[in-house]
């Protein structure tokens, strides 16, 4: 099974927690339910979790709630640990390039800090 953790910025903020706090109660419940699916299922259906092609090994958690679409972006650290670095409400078919850039930058920053801690 997998473990999900939220990225913490160097200043101590958690962008994913901030995103979850911006959602309604029912929206946040659905996101948490999908995160549990990602953690607990051996093979997660692509409707909930898939690798983003053309990125620096980013993965997306995909959430549908009513007419709303939410995405959380992250990456694997090792075989089981998923670090989620951002969340957003998806309006268009494609994921905005800016969201991918932010996620890739946070991944690089996270990996740099991990190397510095070793």
N, C-alpha and C. Protein backbone atom coordinates (compact mmCIF):
# COMPACT_ATOMS: atom_id res chain seq x y z
N UNK A 1 0.83 -1.19 0.00
CA UNK A 1 0.00 0.00 0.00
C UNK A 1 0.88 1.26 0.00
N UNK A 2 0.25 2.38 -0.23
CA UNK A 2 0.97 3.65 -0.29
C UNK A 2 0.70 4.49 0.95
N UNK A 3 1.58 5.45 1.16
CA UNK A 3 1.38 6.45 2.20
C UNK A 3 1.43 7.81 1.53
N UNK A 4 0.49 8.68 1.88
CA UNK A 4 0.45 10.03 1.32
C UNK A 4 0.85 11.03 2.39
N UNK A 5 1.75 11.93 2.01
CA UNK A 5 2.12 13.06 2.87
C UNK A 5 1.99 14.34 2.07
N UNK A 6 1.76 15.43 2.79
CA UNK A 6 1.66 16.73 2.15
C UNK A 6 3.00 17.46 2.25
N UNK A 7 3.41 18.03 1.14
CA UNK A 7 4.61 18.85 1.06
C UNK A 7 4.48 20.06 1.99
N UNK A 8 5.57 20.38 2.67
CA UNK A 8 5.65 21.58 3.52
C UNK A 8 6.70 22.50 2.92
N UNK A 9 6.35 23.76 2.70
CA UNK A 9 7.30 24.72 2.13
C UNK A 9 8.40 25.02 3.15
N UNK A 10 9.51 25.61 2.70
CA UNK A 10 10.57 25.99 3.65
C UNK A 10 10.06 26.93 4.76
N UNK A 11 9.00 27.69 4.46
CA UNK A 11 8.45 28.61 5.48
C UNK A 11 7.41 27.94 6.38
N UNK A 12 7.15 26.64 6.14
CA UNK A 12 6.24 25.91 7.02
C UNK A 12 4.79 25.81 6.55
N UNK A 13 4.48 26.31 5.37
CA UNK A 13 3.11 26.23 4.83
C UNK A 13 2.88 24.87 4.17
N UNK A 14 1.61 24.46 4.14
CA UNK A 14 1.23 23.25 3.41
C UNK A 14 0.22 23.65 2.33
N UNK A 15 0.68 23.80 1.08
CA UNK A 15 -0.23 24.21 0.01
C UNK A 15 -1.42 23.27 -0.17
N UNK A 16 -1.24 21.98 0.06
CA UNK A 16 -2.35 21.03 -0.11
C UNK A 16 -3.37 21.23 1.00
N UNK A 17 -2.92 21.40 2.24
CA UNK A 17 -3.86 21.67 3.34
C UNK A 17 -4.62 22.97 3.09
N UNK A 18 -3.92 23.99 2.60
CA UNK A 18 -4.58 25.26 2.30
C UNK A 18 -5.65 25.06 1.22
N UNK A 19 -5.33 24.25 0.21
CA UNK A 19 -6.31 23.97 -0.82
C UNK A 19 -7.52 23.23 -0.23
N UNK A 20 -7.27 22.21 0.58
CA UNK A 20 -8.38 21.46 1.19
C UNK A 20 -9.25 22.36 2.06
N UNK A 21 -8.61 23.29 2.77
CA UNK A 21 -9.36 24.23 3.63
C UNK A 21 -10.26 25.15 2.81
N UNK A 22 -9.93 25.36 1.53
CA UNK A 22 -10.72 26.26 0.68
C UNK A 22 -11.97 25.57 0.13
N UNK A 23 -12.06 24.25 0.26
CA UNK A 23 -13.19 23.50 -0.29
C UNK A 23 -14.35 23.47 0.68
N UNK A 24 -15.54 23.18 0.16
CA UNK A 24 -16.69 22.95 1.04
C UNK A 24 -16.47 21.63 1.77
N UNK A 25 -17.26 21.40 2.80
CA UNK A 25 -17.14 20.16 3.57
C UNK A 25 -17.30 18.92 2.71
N UNK A 26 -18.31 18.90 1.86
CA UNK A 26 -18.56 17.73 1.02
C UNK A 26 -17.47 17.54 -0.03
N UNK A 27 -16.96 18.64 -0.58
CA UNK A 27 -15.86 18.54 -1.54
C UNK A 27 -14.62 17.96 -0.86
N UNK A 28 -14.28 18.48 0.32
CA UNK A 28 -13.11 18.00 1.05
C UNK A 28 -13.28 16.52 1.41
N UNK A 29 -14.49 16.12 1.80
CA UNK A 29 -14.75 14.71 2.12
C UNK A 29 -14.47 13.82 0.93
N UNK A 30 -14.88 14.24 -0.25
CA UNK A 30 -14.65 13.45 -1.46
C UNK A 30 -13.16 13.34 -1.75
N UNK A 31 -12.42 14.45 -1.59
CA UNK A 31 -10.98 14.42 -1.83
C UNK A 31 -10.33 13.44 -0.85
N UNK A 32 -10.70 13.50 0.41
CA UNK A 32 -10.12 12.61 1.43
C UNK A 32 -10.46 11.15 1.10
N UNK A 33 -11.67 10.90 0.63
CA UNK A 33 -12.07 9.54 0.23
C UNK A 33 -11.16 9.03 -0.89
N UNK A 34 -10.92 9.87 -1.90
CA UNK A 34 -10.06 9.45 -3.02
C UNK A 34 -8.62 9.24 -2.52
N UNK A 35 -8.15 10.08 -1.62
CA UNK A 35 -6.79 9.88 -1.08
C UNK A 35 -6.68 8.53 -0.37
N UNK A 36 -7.74 8.13 0.35
CA UNK A 36 -7.75 6.81 0.98
C UNK A 36 -7.71 5.69 -0.05
N UNK A 37 -8.44 5.86 -1.15
CA UNK A 37 -8.40 4.88 -2.24
C UNK A 37 -6.97 4.73 -2.75
N UNK A 38 -6.31 5.86 -2.97
CA UNK A 38 -4.93 5.83 -3.48
C UNK A 38 -4.01 5.13 -2.49
N UNK A 39 -4.21 5.37 -1.20
CA UNK A 39 -3.35 4.75 -0.19
C UNK A 39 -3.61 3.25 -0.05
N UNK A 40 -4.88 2.85 -0.11
CA UNK A 40 -5.24 1.49 0.29
C UNK A 40 -5.35 0.48 -0.84
N UNK A 41 -5.60 0.92 -2.07
CA UNK A 41 -5.75 -0.04 -3.16
C UNK A 41 -4.38 -0.37 -3.76
N UNK A 42 -4.16 -1.64 -4.03
CA UNK A 42 -2.91 -2.05 -4.67
C UNK A 42 -2.79 -1.47 -6.06
N UNK A 43 -3.83 -1.65 -6.87
CA UNK A 43 -3.88 -1.08 -8.21
C UNK A 43 -5.01 -0.07 -8.22
N UNK A 44 -4.65 1.20 -8.34
CA UNK A 44 -5.65 2.28 -8.28
C UNK A 44 -6.15 2.57 -9.69
N UNK A 45 -7.49 2.61 -9.87
CA UNK A 45 -8.02 2.96 -11.20
C UNK A 45 -7.51 4.33 -11.66
N UNK A 46 -7.23 4.44 -12.96
CA UNK A 46 -6.69 5.68 -13.52
C UNK A 46 -7.64 6.86 -13.34
N UNK A 47 -8.91 6.59 -13.10
CA UNK A 47 -9.83 7.72 -12.88
C UNK A 47 -9.49 8.45 -11.58
N UNK A 48 -8.71 7.82 -10.69
CA UNK A 48 -8.33 8.43 -9.42
C UNK A 48 -6.85 8.80 -9.33
N UNK A 49 -5.98 8.09 -10.05
CA UNK A 49 -4.55 8.28 -9.84
C UNK A 49 -3.81 7.85 -11.08
N UNK A 50 -3.03 8.78 -11.66
CA UNK A 50 -2.27 8.40 -12.84
C UNK A 50 -1.04 9.28 -13.01
N UNK A 51 -0.07 8.72 -13.71
CA UNK A 51 1.16 9.45 -14.00
C UNK A 51 0.89 10.48 -15.09
N UNK A 52 1.49 11.66 -14.94
CA UNK A 52 1.33 12.72 -15.94
C UNK A 52 2.45 12.60 -16.98
N UNK A 53 2.11 12.29 -18.22
CA UNK A 53 3.14 12.18 -19.25
C UNK A 53 3.76 13.56 -19.52
N UNK A 54 5.03 13.55 -19.91
CA UNK A 54 5.70 14.79 -20.26
C UNK A 54 6.10 15.65 -19.08
N UNK A 55 6.12 15.05 -17.87
CA UNK A 55 6.52 15.80 -16.67
C UNK A 55 7.71 15.11 -16.02
N UNK A 56 8.22 15.73 -14.98
CA UNK A 56 9.33 15.17 -14.21
C UNK A 56 8.78 14.17 -13.18
N UNK A 57 8.22 13.06 -13.69
CA UNK A 57 7.65 11.99 -12.84
C UNK A 57 6.57 12.49 -11.88
N UNK A 58 5.72 13.38 -12.34
CA UNK A 58 4.59 13.83 -11.52
C UNK A 58 3.42 12.89 -11.70
N UNK A 59 2.64 12.77 -10.64
CA UNK A 59 1.41 11.98 -10.64
C UNK A 59 0.27 12.90 -10.24
N UNK A 60 -0.93 12.56 -10.70
CA UNK A 60 -2.09 13.35 -10.30
C UNK A 60 -3.12 12.48 -9.62
N UNK A 61 -3.68 13.04 -8.54
CA UNK A 61 -4.85 12.46 -7.89
C UNK A 61 -6.03 13.19 -8.49
N UNK A 62 -6.99 12.42 -9.01
CA UNK A 62 -8.11 12.99 -9.76
C UNK A 62 -9.40 12.82 -8.95
N UNK A 63 -10.11 13.93 -8.75
CA UNK A 63 -11.33 13.90 -7.93
C UNK A 63 -12.46 14.59 -8.69
N UNK A 64 -13.58 13.90 -8.80
CA UNK A 64 -14.81 14.47 -9.36
C UNK A 64 -15.83 14.56 -8.24
N UNK A 65 -16.46 15.70 -8.09
CA UNK A 65 -17.54 15.85 -7.12
C UNK A 65 -18.61 16.72 -7.74
N UNK A 66 -19.74 16.10 -8.08
CA UNK A 66 -20.78 16.83 -8.79
C UNK A 66 -20.19 17.34 -10.10
N UNK A 67 -20.32 18.61 -10.37
CA UNK A 67 -19.76 19.19 -11.58
C UNK A 67 -18.35 19.72 -11.39
N UNK A 68 -17.78 19.52 -10.20
CA UNK A 68 -16.44 20.05 -9.91
C UNK A 68 -15.37 19.00 -10.16
N UNK A 69 -14.23 19.46 -10.63
CA UNK A 69 -13.07 18.60 -10.86
C UNK A 69 -11.89 19.18 -10.10
N UNK A 70 -11.26 18.33 -9.29
CA UNK A 70 -10.10 18.76 -8.51
C UNK A 70 -8.92 17.86 -8.84
N UNK A 71 -7.73 18.45 -8.78
CA UNK A 71 -6.49 17.70 -9.00
C UNK A 71 -5.50 18.03 -7.90
N UNK A 72 -4.80 17.00 -7.47
CA UNK A 72 -3.67 17.17 -6.55
C UNK A 72 -2.48 16.56 -7.25
N UNK A 73 -1.38 17.31 -7.30
CA UNK A 73 -0.18 16.83 -7.98
C UNK A 73 0.89 16.46 -6.96
N UNK A 74 1.65 15.42 -7.30
CA UNK A 74 2.70 14.99 -6.40
C UNK A 74 3.67 14.05 -7.11
N UNK A 75 4.48 13.40 -6.31
CA UNK A 75 5.51 12.51 -6.83
C UNK A 75 5.79 11.41 -5.81
N UNK A 76 6.41 10.36 -6.28
CA UNK A 76 6.81 9.27 -5.39
C UNK A 76 8.19 9.56 -4.80
N UNK A 77 8.32 9.28 -3.51
CA UNK A 77 9.63 9.22 -2.88
C UNK A 77 9.78 7.76 -2.46
N UNK A 78 10.53 7.01 -3.23
CA UNK A 78 10.62 5.58 -3.00
C UNK A 78 9.41 4.87 -3.59
N UNK A 79 9.25 3.60 -3.27
CA UNK A 79 8.19 2.82 -3.92
C UNK A 79 6.78 3.06 -3.37
N UNK A 80 6.65 3.58 -2.14
CA UNK A 80 5.33 3.66 -1.53
C UNK A 80 4.88 5.05 -1.10
N UNK A 81 5.82 5.96 -0.88
CA UNK A 81 5.49 7.27 -0.31
C UNK A 81 5.18 8.26 -1.43
N UNK A 82 3.99 8.86 -1.35
CA UNK A 82 3.57 9.88 -2.31
C UNK A 82 3.57 11.23 -1.58
N UNK A 83 4.31 12.18 -2.14
CA UNK A 83 4.35 13.54 -1.59
C UNK A 83 3.47 14.41 -2.48
N UNK A 84 2.36 14.91 -1.93
CA UNK A 84 1.48 15.80 -2.70
C UNK A 84 1.94 17.23 -2.48
N UNK A 85 2.13 17.96 -3.59
CA UNK A 85 2.72 19.30 -3.50
C UNK A 85 1.75 20.42 -3.82
N UNK A 86 0.62 20.11 -4.49
CA UNK A 86 -0.33 21.18 -4.82
C UNK A 86 -1.70 20.60 -5.10
N UNK A 87 -2.69 21.47 -5.00
CA UNK A 87 -4.06 21.10 -5.33
C UNK A 87 -4.73 22.29 -5.99
N UNK A 88 -5.65 22.00 -6.90
CA UNK A 88 -6.35 23.08 -7.59
C UNK A 88 -7.65 22.56 -8.18
N UNK A 89 -8.52 23.49 -8.47
CA UNK A 89 -9.78 23.20 -9.14
C UNK A 89 -9.52 23.27 -10.64
N UNK A 90 -9.88 22.21 -11.33
CA UNK A 90 -9.57 22.12 -12.76
C UNK A 90 -10.75 22.64 -13.57
N UNK A 91 -10.49 23.63 -14.41
CA UNK A 91 -11.54 24.24 -15.22
C UNK A 91 -11.50 23.78 -16.67
N UNK A 92 -10.31 23.54 -17.21
CA UNK A 92 -10.15 23.18 -18.62
C UNK A 92 -9.81 21.70 -18.74
N UNK A 93 -9.81 21.21 -19.95
CA UNK A 93 -9.48 19.81 -20.21
C UNK A 93 -8.04 19.48 -19.79
N UNK A 94 -7.10 20.32 -20.20
CA UNK A 94 -5.69 20.08 -19.89
C UNK A 94 -5.33 20.71 -18.55
N UNK A 95 -4.35 20.12 -17.88
CA UNK A 95 -3.85 20.72 -16.65
C UNK A 95 -3.02 21.95 -17.03
N UNK A 96 -3.29 23.09 -16.40
CA UNK A 96 -2.53 24.29 -16.75
C UNK A 96 -1.03 24.09 -16.58
N UNK A 97 -0.26 24.53 -17.56
CA UNK A 97 1.20 24.39 -17.53
C UNK A 97 1.78 25.01 -16.26
N UNK A 98 1.19 26.12 -15.80
CA UNK A 98 1.67 26.79 -14.59
C UNK A 98 1.57 25.85 -13.38
N UNK A 99 0.50 25.07 -13.28
CA UNK A 99 0.35 24.13 -12.16
C UNK A 99 1.43 23.06 -12.21
N UNK A 100 1.75 22.58 -13.40
CA UNK A 100 2.80 21.57 -13.56
C UNK A 100 4.16 22.18 -13.19
N UNK A 101 4.41 23.41 -13.62
CA UNK A 101 5.68 24.08 -13.30
C UNK A 101 5.85 24.25 -11.79
N UNK A 102 4.79 24.67 -11.11
CA UNK A 102 4.85 24.84 -9.66
C UNK A 102 5.14 23.49 -8.99
N UNK A 103 4.46 22.44 -9.42
CA UNK A 103 4.66 21.11 -8.83
C UNK A 103 6.09 20.62 -9.06
N UNK A 104 6.62 20.82 -10.27
CA UNK A 104 7.98 20.39 -10.56
C UNK A 104 9.00 21.17 -9.73
N UNK A 105 8.77 22.46 -9.55
CA UNK A 105 9.67 23.29 -8.74
C UNK A 105 9.63 22.83 -7.28
N UNK A 106 8.45 22.55 -6.75
CA UNK A 106 8.35 22.08 -5.36
C UNK A 106 9.02 20.71 -5.20
N UNK A 107 8.90 19.87 -6.21
CA UNK A 107 9.57 18.56 -6.16
C UNK A 107 11.08 18.76 -6.09
N UNK A 108 11.62 19.62 -6.95
CA UNK A 108 13.07 19.88 -6.92
C UNK A 108 13.51 20.44 -5.57
N UNK A 109 12.74 21.38 -5.04
CA UNK A 109 13.06 21.99 -3.76
C UNK A 109 13.02 20.94 -2.65
N UNK A 110 12.01 20.09 -2.65
CA UNK A 110 11.87 19.02 -1.65
C UNK A 110 13.08 18.08 -1.72
N UNK A 111 13.43 17.64 -2.92
CA UNK A 111 14.55 16.72 -3.10
C UNK A 111 15.86 17.37 -2.67
N UNK A 112 16.03 18.65 -2.94
CA UNK A 112 17.22 19.38 -2.52
C UNK A 112 17.33 19.40 -0.99
N UNK A 113 16.22 19.69 -0.32
CA UNK A 113 16.22 19.71 1.14
C UNK A 113 16.52 18.32 1.70
N UNK A 114 15.98 17.27 1.06
CA UNK A 114 16.23 15.89 1.53
C UNK A 114 17.72 15.55 1.42
N UNK A 115 18.34 15.97 0.31
CA UNK A 115 19.78 15.73 0.14
C UNK A 115 20.58 16.47 1.20
N UNK A 116 20.17 17.70 1.50
CA UNK A 116 20.88 18.50 2.49
C UNK A 116 20.77 17.90 3.89
N UNK A 117 19.67 17.18 4.16
CA UNK A 117 19.46 16.56 5.48
C UNK A 117 20.27 15.29 5.66
N UNK A 118 20.73 14.72 4.57
CA UNK A 118 21.46 13.43 4.67
C UNK A 118 22.89 13.62 5.10
